[in-house]
Amino acid sequence: MADENLKRDEAGVLQNDIFDLIREEAGELIESVTLQDTFFHPKKKMESNLFEMIFRPVGDRALSHSEVNVVTDRIKERLLDEFEIEKRW
């Protein structure tokens, strides 16, 4: 049986590459990354993927929204720079 994380989307991007990029940028702050949903638009011939990222604080302090926003902004920048994807957020 094939590993689902080795599946390529319509643009040829490996899901594992997305997972790795997210983990690299988030570091210790990321608890898990999962692919929650995939949608293929038949007219546009485009695939959309929804990834869930669960963050956790390091130590006993809480994470602020602004700290998480900084990390997610870096993730979005790298996704656009490194893969041929269309921005959908």
PDB file of N, CA and C in Angstrom:
ATOM      1  N   MET A   1       0.841  -1.182   0.000  1.00  0.00           N
ATOM      2  CA  MET A   1       0.000   0.000   0.000  1.00  0.00           C
ATOM      3  C   MET A   1       0.887   1.246   0.000  1.00  0.00           C
ATOM      4  N   ALA A   2       0.590   2.210  -0.850  1.00  0.00           N
ATOM      5  CA  ALA A   2       1.391   3.427  -0.981  1.00  0.00           C
ATOM      6  C   ALA A   2       1.194   4.341   0.218  1.00  0.00           C
ATOM      7  N   ASP A   3       2.248   5.027   0.587  1.00  0.00           N
ATOM      8  CA  ASP A   3       2.186   6.002   1.678  1.00  0.00           C
ATOM      9  C   ASP A   3       1.432   7.228   1.177  1.00  0.00           C
ATOM     10  N   GLU A   4       0.346   7.588   1.862  1.00  0.00           N
ATOM     11  CA  GLU A   4      -0.472   8.736   1.455  1.00  0.00           C
ATOM     12  C   GLU A   4       0.319  10.036   1.433  1.00  0.00           C
ATOM     13  N   ASN A   5       1.332  10.177   2.287  1.00  0.00           N
ATOM     14  CA  ASN A   5       2.115  11.403   2.337  1.00  0.00           C
ATOM     15  C   ASN A   5       3.053  11.555   1.148  1.00  0.00           C
ATOM     16  N   LEU A   6       3.212  10.488   0.364  1.00  0.00           N
ATOM     17  CA  LEU A   6       4.041  10.568  -0.826  1.00  0.00           C
ATOM     18  C   LEU A   6       3.224  10.919  -2.059  1.00  0.00           C
ATOM     19  N   LYS A   7       1.954  11.165  -1.871  1.00  0.00           N
ATOM     20  CA  LYS A   7       1.068  11.534  -2.971  1.00  0.00           C
ATOM     21  C   LYS A   7       1.388  12.952  -3.452  1.00  0.00           C
ATOM     22  N   ARG A   8       1.411  13.130  -4.751  1.00  0.00           N
ATOM     23  CA  ARG A   8       1.624  14.450  -5.338  1.00  0.00           C
ATOM     24  C   ARG A   8       0.272  15.091  -5.639  1.00  0.00           C
ATOM     25  N   ASP A   9       0.200  16.408  -5.436  1.00  0.00           N
ATOM     26  CA  ASP A   9      -1.020  17.103  -5.825  1.00  0.00           C
ATOM     27  C   ASP A   9      -0.952  17.414  -7.319  1.00  0.00           C
ATOM     28  N   GLU A  10      -1.928  18.130  -7.832  1.00  0.00           N
ATOM     29  CA  GLU A  10      -1.990  18.415  -9.271  1.00  0.00           C
ATOM     30  C   GLU A  10      -0.791  19.221  -9.763  1.00  0.00           C
ATOM     31  N   ALA A  11      -0.176  20.034  -8.898  1.00  0.00           N
ATOM     32  CA  ALA A  11       0.990  20.831  -9.281  1.00  0.00           C
ATOM     33  C   ALA A  11       2.284  20.032  -9.152  1.00  0.00           C
ATOM     34  N   GLY A  12       2.195  18.778  -8.709  1.00  0.00           N
ATOM     35  CA  GLY A  12       3.371  17.936  -8.568  1.00  0.00           C
ATOM     36  C   GLY A  12       4.097  18.115  -7.251  1.00  0.00           C
ATOM     37  N   VAL A  13       3.452  18.739  -6.279  1.00  0.00           N
ATOM     38  CA  VAL A  13       4.068  18.972  -4.973  1.00  0.00           C
ATOM     39  C   VAL A  13       3.786  17.772  -4.069  1.00  0.00           C
ATOM     40  N   LEU A  14       4.832  17.249  -3.455  1.00  0.00           N
ATOM     41  CA  LEU A  14       4.661  16.151  -2.510  1.00  0.00           C
ATOM     42  C   LEU A  14       4.122  16.681  -1.194  1.00  0.00           C
ATOM     43  N   GLN A  15       3.143  15.988  -0.636  1.00  0.00           N
ATOM     44  CA  GLN A  15       2.596  16.394   0.655  1.00  0.00           C
ATOM     45  C   GLN A  15       3.680  16.418   1.726  1.00  0.00           C
ATOM     46  N   ASN A  16       4.611  15.464   1.680  1.00  0.00           N
ATOM     47  CA  ASN A  16       5.690  15.441   2.672  1.00  0.00           C
ATOM     48  C   ASN A  16       6.541  16.702   2.603  1.00  0.00           C
ATOM     49  N   ASP A  17       6.712  17.261   1.413  1.00  0.00           N
ATOM     50  CA  ASP A  17       7.471  18.508   1.279  1.00  0.00           C
ATOM     51  C   ASP A  17       6.773  19.650   2.004  1.00  0.00           C
ATOM     52  N   ILE A  18       5.455  19.679   1.934  1.00  0.00           N
ATOM     53  CA  ILE A  18       4.678  20.699   2.655  1.00  0.00           C
ATOM     54  C   ILE A  18       4.818  20.495   4.156  1.00  0.00           C
ATOM     55  N   PHE A  19       4.648  19.253   4.599  1.00  0.00           N
ATOM     56  CA  PHE A  19       4.790  18.945   6.029  1.00  0.00           C
ATOM     57  C   PHE A  19       6.178  19.355   6.532  1.00  0.00           C
ATOM     58  N   ASP A  20       7.220  19.004   5.773  1.00  0.00           N
ATOM     59  CA  ASP A  20       8.592  19.329   6.181  1.00  0.00           C
ATOM     60  C   ASP A  20       8.816  20.833   6.270  1.00  0.00           C
ATOM     61  N   LEU A  21       8.328  21.568   5.283  1.00  0.00           N
ATOM     62  CA  LEU A  21       8.479  23.023   5.292  1.00  0.00           C
ATOM     63  C   LEU A  21       7.818  23.632   6.525  1.00  0.00           C
ATOM     64  N   ILE A  22       6.624  23.181   6.832  1.00  0.00           N
ATOM     65  CA  ILE A  22       5.898  23.705   7.998  1.00  0.00           C
ATOM     66  C   ILE A  22       6.669  23.401   9.276  1.00  0.00           C
ATOM     67  N   ARG A  23       7.153  22.185   9.396  1.00  0.00           N
ATOM     68  CA  ARG A  23       7.904  21.808  10.609  1.00  0.00           C
ATOM     69  C   ARG A  23       9.213  22.580  10.721  1.00  0.00           C
ATOM     70  N   GLU A  24       9.879  22.827   9.583  1.00  0.00           N
ATOM     71  CA  GLU A  24      11.121  23.610   9.602  1.00  0.00           C
ATOM     72  C   GLU A  24      10.873  25.026  10.105  1.00  0.00           C
ATOM     73  N   GLU A  25       9.834  25.654   9.605  1.00  0.00           N
ATOM     74  CA  GLU A  25       9.544  27.042   9.987  1.00  0.00           C
ATOM     75  C   GLU A  25       9.014  27.155  11.407  1.00  0.00           C
ATOM     76  N   ALA A  26       8.171  26.232  11.818  1.00  0.00           N
ATOM     77  CA  ALA A  26       7.535  26.334  13.138  1.00  0.00           C
ATOM     78  C   ALA A  26       8.420  25.795  14.252  1.00  0.00           C
ATOM     79  N   GLY A  27       9.321  24.898  13.908  1.00  0.00           N
ATOM     80  CA  GLY A  27      10.230  24.354  14.911  1.00  0.00           C
ATOM     81  C   GLY A  27       9.492  23.678  16.054  1.00  0.00           C
ATOM     82  N   GLU A  28       9.907  24.005  17.273  1.00  0.00           N
ATOM     83  CA  GLU A  28       9.329  23.376  18.462  1.00  0.00           C
ATOM     84  C   GLU A  28       7.887  23.796  18.717  1.00  0.00           C
ATOM     85  N   LEU A  29       7.426  24.834  18.045  1.00  0.00           N
ATOM     86  CA  LEU A  29       6.073  25.333  18.299  1.00  0.00           C
ATOM     87  C   LEU A  29       4.983  24.477  17.653  1.00  0.00           C
ATOM     88  N   ILE A  30       5.353  23.647  16.680  1.00  0.00           N
ATOM     89  CA  ILE A  30       4.326  22.857  15.980  1.00  0.00           C
ATOM     90  C   ILE A  30       4.161  21.501  16.674  1.00  0.00           C
ATOM     91  N   GLU A  31       2.934  21.183  16.998  1.00  0.00           N
ATOM     92  CA  GLU A  31       2.638  19.882  17.603  1.00  0.00           C
ATOM     93  C   GLU A  31       2.287  18.864  16.534  1.00  0.00           C
ATOM     94  N   SER A  32       1.456  19.279  15.562  1.00  0.00           N
ATOM     95  CA  SER A  32       1.093  18.359  14.483  1.00  0.00           C
ATOM     96  C   SER A  32       0.660  19.136  13.251  1.00  0.00           C
ATOM     97  N   VAL A  33       0.808  18.468  12.109  1.00  0.00           N
ATOM     98  CA  VAL A  33       0.352  18.987  10.818  1.00  0.00           C
ATOM     99  C   VAL A  33      -0.381  17.851  10.133  1.00  0.00           C
ATOM    100  N   THR A  34      -1.613  18.096   9.720  1.00  0.00           N
ATOM    101  CA  THR A  34      -2.375  17.062   9.015  1.00  0.00           C
ATOM    102  C   THR A  34      -3.081  17.660   7.807  1.00  0.00           C
ATOM    103  N   LEU A  35      -3.208  16.854   6.782  1.00  0.00           N
ATOM    104  CA  LEU A  35      -3.998  17.236   5.620  1.00  0.00           C
ATOM    105  C   LEU A  35      -5.446  16.916   5.953  1.00  0.00           C
ATOM    106  N   GLN A  36      -6.268  17.937   6.084  1.00  0.00           N
ATOM    107  CA  GLN A  36      -7.659  17.750   6.503  1.00  0.00           C
ATOM    108  C   GLN A  36      -8.622  17.529   5.343  1.00  0.00           C
ATOM    109  N   ASP A  37      -8.346  18.201   4.210  1.00  0.00           N
ATOM    110  CA  ASP A  37      -9.304  18.105   3.109  1.00  0.00           C
ATOM    111  C   ASP A  37      -8.605  18.418   1.797  1.00  0.00           C
ATOM    112  N   THR A  38      -9.095  17.818   0.735  1.00  0.00           N
ATOM    113  CA  THR A  38      -8.620  18.082  -0.619  1.00  0.00           C
ATOM    114  C   THR A  38      -9.831  18.274  -1.516  1.00  0.00           C
ATOM    115  N   PHE A  39      -9.756  19.286  -2.362  1.00  0.00           N
ATOM    116  CA  PHE A  39     -10.849  19.553  -3.292  1.00  0.00           C
ATOM    117  C   PHE A  39     -10.253  19.782  -4.671  1.00  0.00           C
ATOM    118  N   PHE A  40     -10.820  19.141  -5.687  1.00  0.00           N
ATOM    119  CA  PHE A  40     -10.397  19.363  -7.064  1.00  0.00           C
ATOM    120  C   PHE A  40     -11.506  20.096  -7.797  1.00  0.00           C
ATOM    121  N   HIS A  41     -11.161  21.274  -8.345  1.00  0.00           N
ATOM    122  CA  HIS A  41     -12.120  22.078  -9.103  1.00  0.00           C
ATOM    123  C   HIS A  41     -12.057  21.629 -10.559  1.00  0.00           C
ATOM    124  N   PRO A  42     -13.117  20.974 -11.048  1.00  0.00           N
ATOM    125  CA  PRO A  42     -13.054  20.389 -12.394  1.00  0.00           C
ATOM    126  C   PRO A  42     -12.932  21.418 -13.516  1.00  0.00           C
ATOM    127  N   LYS A  43     -13.559  22.566 -13.379  1.00  0.00           N
ATOM    128  CA  LYS A  43     -13.485  23.570 -14.448  1.00  0.00           C
ATOM    129  C   LYS A  43     -12.108  24.242 -14.495  1.00  0.00           C
ATOM    130  N   LYS A  44     -11.589  24.602 -13.343  1.00  0.00           N
ATOM    131  CA  LYS A  44     -10.287  25.269 -13.280  1.00  0.00           C
ATOM    132  C   LYS A  44      -9.127  24.283 -13.322  1.00  0.00           C
ATOM    133  N   LYS A  45      -9.438  22.990 -13.146  1.00  0.00           N
ATOM    134  CA  LYS A  45      -8.417  21.948 -13.103  1.00  0.00           C
ATOM    135  C   LYS A  45      -7.357  22.259 -12.042  1.00  0.00           C
ATOM    136  N   MET A  46      -7.844  22.672 -10.859  1.00  0.00           N
ATOM    137  CA  MET A  46      -6.957  23.012  -9.748  1.00  0.00           C
ATOM    138  C   MET A  46      -7.354  22.221  -8.512  1.00  0.00           C
ATOM    139  N   GLU A  47      -6.327  21.874  -7.729  1.00  0.00           N
ATOM    140  CA  GLU A  47      -6.558  21.168  -6.476  1.00  0.00           C
ATOM    141  C   GLU A  47      -6.263  22.111  -5.319  1.00  0.00           C
ATOM    142  N   SER A  48      -7.124  22.078  -4.321  1.00  0.00           N
ATOM    143  CA  SER A  48      -6.920  22.848  -3.095  1.00  0.00           C
ATOM    144  C   SER A  48      -6.751  21.868  -1.939  1.00  0.00           C
ATOM    145  N   ASN A  49      -5.801  22.159  -1.071  1.00  0.00           N
ATOM    146  CA  ASN A  49      -5.544  21.317   0.096  1.00  0.00           C
ATOM    147  C   ASN A  49      -5.671  22.158   1.353  1.00  0.00           C
ATOM    148  N   LEU A  50      -6.327  21.605   2.353  1.00  0.00           N
ATOM    149  CA  LEU A  50      -6.476  22.269   3.646  1.00  0.00           C
ATOM    150  C   LEU A  50      -5.613  21.531   4.659  1.00  0.00           C
ATOM    151  N   PHE A  51      -4.609  22.241   5.187  1.00  0.00           N
ATOM    152  CA  PHE A  51      -3.731  21.671   6.202  1.00  0.00           C
ATOM    153  C   PHE A  51      -4.079  22.262   7.560  1.00  0.00           C
ATOM    154  N   GLU A  52      -4.186  21.401   8.556  1.00  0.00           N
ATOM    155  CA  GLU A  52      -4.407  21.849   9.928  1.00  0.00           C
ATOM    156  C   GLU A  52      -3.060  21.845  10.646  1.00  0.00           C
ATOM    157  N   MET A  53      -2.741  22.969  11.283  1.00  0.00           N
ATOM    158  CA  MET A  53      -1.510  23.085  12.062  1.00  0.00           C
ATOM    159  C   MET A  53      -1.903  23.334  13.513  1.00  0.00           C
ATOM    160  N   ILE A  54      -1.423  22.480  14.393  1.00  0.00           N
ATOM    161  CA  ILE A  54      -1.679  22.655  15.822  1.00  0.00           C
ATOM    162  C   ILE A  54      -0.378  23.096  16.471  1.00  0.00           C
ATOM    163  N   PHE A  55      -0.429  24.268  17.098  1.00  0.00           N
ATOM    164  CA  PHE A  55       0.737  24.831  17.765  1.00  0.00           C
ATOM    165  C   PHE A  55       0.646  24.559  19.254  1.00  0.00           C
ATOM    166  N   ARG A  56       1.803  24.454  19.895  1.00  0.00           N
ATOM    167  CA  ARG A  56       1.852  24.291  21.349  1.00  0.00           C
ATOM    168  C   ARG A  56       2.991  25.160  21.864  1.00  0.00           C
ATOM    169  N   PRO A  57       2.832  25.707  23.041  1.00  0.00           N
ATOM    170  CA  PRO A  57       3.901  26.547  23.596  1.00  0.00           C
ATOM    171  C   PRO A  57       5.081  25.709  24.072  1.00  0.00           C
ATOM    172  N   VAL A  58       6.236  26.329  24.088  1.00  0.00           N
ATOM    173  CA  VAL A  58       7.418  25.701  24.653  1.00  0.00           C
ATOM    174  C   VAL A  58       7.496  26.150  26.102  1.00  0.00           C
ATOM    175  N   GLY A  59       7.610  25.200  27.003  1.00  0.00           N
ATOM    176  CA  GLY A  59       7.644  25.542  28.416  1.00  0.00           C
ATOM    177  C   GLY A  59       6.249  25.740  28.963  1.00  0.00           C
ATOM    178  N   ASP A  60       6.147  26.590  29.969  1.00  0.00           N
ATOM    179  CA  ASP A  60       4.854  26.762  30.640  1.00  0.00           C
ATOM    180  C   ASP A  60       4.162  28.074  30.318  1.00  0.00           C
ATOM    181  N   ARG A  61       4.600  28.766  29.285  1.00  0.00           N
ATOM    182  CA  ARG A  61       3.937  30.017  28.924  1.00  0.00           C
ATOM    183  C   ARG A  61       2.999  29.808  27.735  1.00  0.00           C
ATOM    184  N   ALA A  62       2.022  30.654  27.602  1.00  0.00           N
ATOM    185  CA  ALA A  62       1.059  30.561  26.500  1.00  0.00           C
ATOM    186  C   ALA A  62       1.618  31.227  25.244  1.00  0.00           C
ATOM    187  N   LEU A  63       1.160  30.764  24.099  1.00  0.00           N
ATOM    188  CA  LEU A  63       1.506  31.407  22.828  1.00  0.00           C
ATOM    189  C   LEU A  63       0.505  32.516  22.545  1.00  0.00           C
ATOM    190  N   SER A  64       0.992  33.618  22.027  1.00  0.00           N
ATOM    191  CA  SER A  64       0.080  34.701  21.644  1.00  0.00           C
ATOM    192  C   SER A  64      -0.310  34.529  20.176  1.00  0.00           C
ATOM    193  N   HIS A  65      -1.407  35.153  19.796  1.00  0.00           N
ATOM    194  CA  HIS A  65      -1.832  35.122  18.390  1.00  0.00           C
ATOM    195  C   HIS A  65      -0.761  35.729  17.498  1.00  0.00           C
ATOM    196  N   SER A  66      -0.127  36.793  17.963  1.00  0.00           N
ATOM    197  CA  SER A  66       0.884  37.447  17.135  1.00  0.00           C
ATOM    198  C   SER A  66       2.097  36.534  16.906  1.00  0.00           C
ATOM    199  N   GLU A  67       2.481  35.731  17.895  1.00  0.00           N
ATOM    200  CA  GLU A  67       3.587  34.792  17.707  1.00  0.00           C
ATOM    201  C   GLU A  67       3.238  33.739  16.655  1.00  0.00           C
ATOM    202  N   VAL A  68       2.035  33.220  16.724  1.00  0.00           N
ATOM    203  CA  VAL A  68       1.599  32.220  15.747  1.00  0.00           C
ATOM    204  C   VAL A  68       1.472  32.863  14.365  1.00  0.00           C
ATOM    205  N   ASN A  69       0.971  34.087  14.299  1.00  0.00           N
ATOM    206  CA  ASN A  69       0.839  34.783  13.012  1.00  0.00           C
ATOM    207  C   ASN A  69       2.182  34.988  12.330  1.00  0.00           C
ATOM    208  N   VAL A  70       3.221  35.302  13.106  1.00  0.00           N
ATOM    209  CA  VAL A  70       4.560  35.470  12.533  1.00  0.00           C
ATOM    210  C   VAL A  70       5.016  34.165  11.889  1.00  0.00           C
ATOM    211  N   VAL A  71       4.807  33.059  12.568  1.00  0.00           N
ATOM    212  CA  VAL A  71       5.217  31.752  12.041  1.00  0.00           C
ATOM    213  C   VAL A  71       4.404  31.400  10.801  1.00  0.00           C
ATOM    214  N   THR A  72       3.096  31.573  10.853  1.00  0.00           N
ATOM    215  CA  THR A  72       2.267  31.213   9.692  1.00  0.00           C
ATOM    216  C   THR A  72       2.561  32.120   8.505  1.00  0.00           C
ATOM    217  N   ASP A  73       2.907  33.369   8.746  1.00  0.00           N
ATOM    218  CA  ASP A  73       3.288  34.263   7.638  1.00  0.00           C
ATOM    219  C   ASP A  73       4.572  33.778   6.966  1.00  0.00           C
ATOM    220  N   ARG A  74       5.541  33.323   7.768  1.00  0.00           N
ATOM    221  CA  ARG A  74       6.786  32.789   7.195  1.00  0.00           C
ATOM    222  C   ARG A  74       6.500  31.512   6.396  1.00  0.00           C
ATOM    223  N   ILE A  75       5.599  30.676   6.910  1.00  0.00           N
ATOM    224  CA  ILE A  75       5.233  29.448   6.199  1.00  0.00           C
ATOM    225  C   ILE A  75       4.599  29.801   4.855  1.00  0.00           C
ATOM    226  N   LYS A  76       3.684  30.743   4.853  1.00  0.00           N
ATOM    227  CA  LYS A  76       3.015  31.136   3.600  1.00  0.00           C
ATOM    228  C   LYS A  76       4.019  31.710   2.600  1.00  0.00           C
ATOM    229  N   GLU A  77       4.947  32.532   3.060  1.00  0.00           N
ATOM    230  CA  GLU A  77       5.969  33.097   2.168  1.00  0.00           C
ATOM    231  C   GLU A  77       6.791  31.997   1.517  1.00  0.00           C
ATOM    232  N   ARG A  78       7.237  31.038   2.325  1.00  0.00           N
ATOM    233  CA  ARG A  78       8.049  29.947   1.782  1.00  0.00           C
ATOM    234  C   ARG A  78       7.260  29.060   0.822  1.00  0.00           C
ATOM    235  N   LEU A  79       5.995  28.811   1.131  1.00  0.00           N
ATOM    236  CA  LEU A  79       5.173  28.000   0.220  1.00  0.00           C
ATOM    237  C   LEU A  79       5.099  28.657  -1.151  1.00  0.00           C
ATOM    238  N   LEU A  80       4.895  29.957  -1.171  1.00  0.00           N
ATOM    239  CA  LEU A  80       4.811  30.683  -2.444  1.00  0.00           C
ATOM    240  C   LEU A  80       6.160  30.733  -3.154  1.00  0.00           C
ATOM    241  N   ASP A  81       7.247  30.882  -2.392  1.00  0.00           N
ATOM    242  CA  ASP A  81       8.583  30.979  -2.984  1.00  0.00           C
ATOM    243  C   ASP A  81       9.093  29.642  -3.523  1.00  0.00           C
ATOM    244  N   GLU A  82       8.805  28.564  -2.823  1.00  0.00           N
ATOM    245  CA  GLU A  82       9.424  27.285  -3.141  1.00  0.00           C
ATOM    246  C   GLU A  82       8.589  26.350  -4.005  1.00  0.00           C
ATOM    247  N   PHE A  83       7.300  26.590  -4.067  1.00  0.00           N
ATOM    248  CA  PHE A  83       6.428  25.711  -4.851  1.00  0.00           C
ATOM    249  C   PHE A  83       5.606  26.542  -5.826  1.00  0.00           C
ATOM    250  N   GLU A  84       5.256  25.938  -6.923  1.00  0.00           N
ATOM    251  CA  GLU A  84       4.406  26.626  -7.904  1.00  0.00           C
ATOM    252  C   GLU A  84       2.947  26.440  -7.522  1.00  0.00           C
ATOM    253  N   ILE A  85       2.528  27.221  -6.533  1.00  0.00           N
ATOM    254  CA  ILE A  85       1.160  27.136  -6.062  1.00  0.00           C
ATOM    255  C   ILE A  85       0.497  28.500  -6.173  1.00  0.00           C
ATOM    256  N   GLU A  86      -0.816  28.470  -6.188  1.00  0.00           N
ATOM    257  CA  GLU A  86      -1.591  29.707  -6.200  1.00  0.00           C
ATOM    258  C   GLU A  86      -2.065  29.997  -4.785  1.00  0.00           C
ATOM    259  N   LYS A  87      -1.909  31.222  -4.376  1.00  0.00           N
ATOM    260  CA  LYS A  87      -2.316  31.655  -3.047  1.00  0.00           C
ATOM    261  C   LYS A  87      -3.829  31.528  -2.902  1.00  0.00           C
ATOM    262  N   ARG A  88      -4.271  30.822  -1.843  1.00  0.00           N
ATOM    263  CA  ARG A  88      -5.699  30.604  -1.621  1.00  0.00           C
ATOM    264  C   ARG A  88      -6.108  30.930  -0.193  1.00  0.00           C
ATOM    265  N   TRP A  89      -5.316  31.703   0.538  1.00  0.00           N
ATOM    266  CA  TRP A  89      -5.660  32.058   1.912  1.00  0.00           C
ATOM    267  C   TRP A  89      -5.997  33.506   2.019  1.00  0.00           C
TER     268      TRP A  89
END
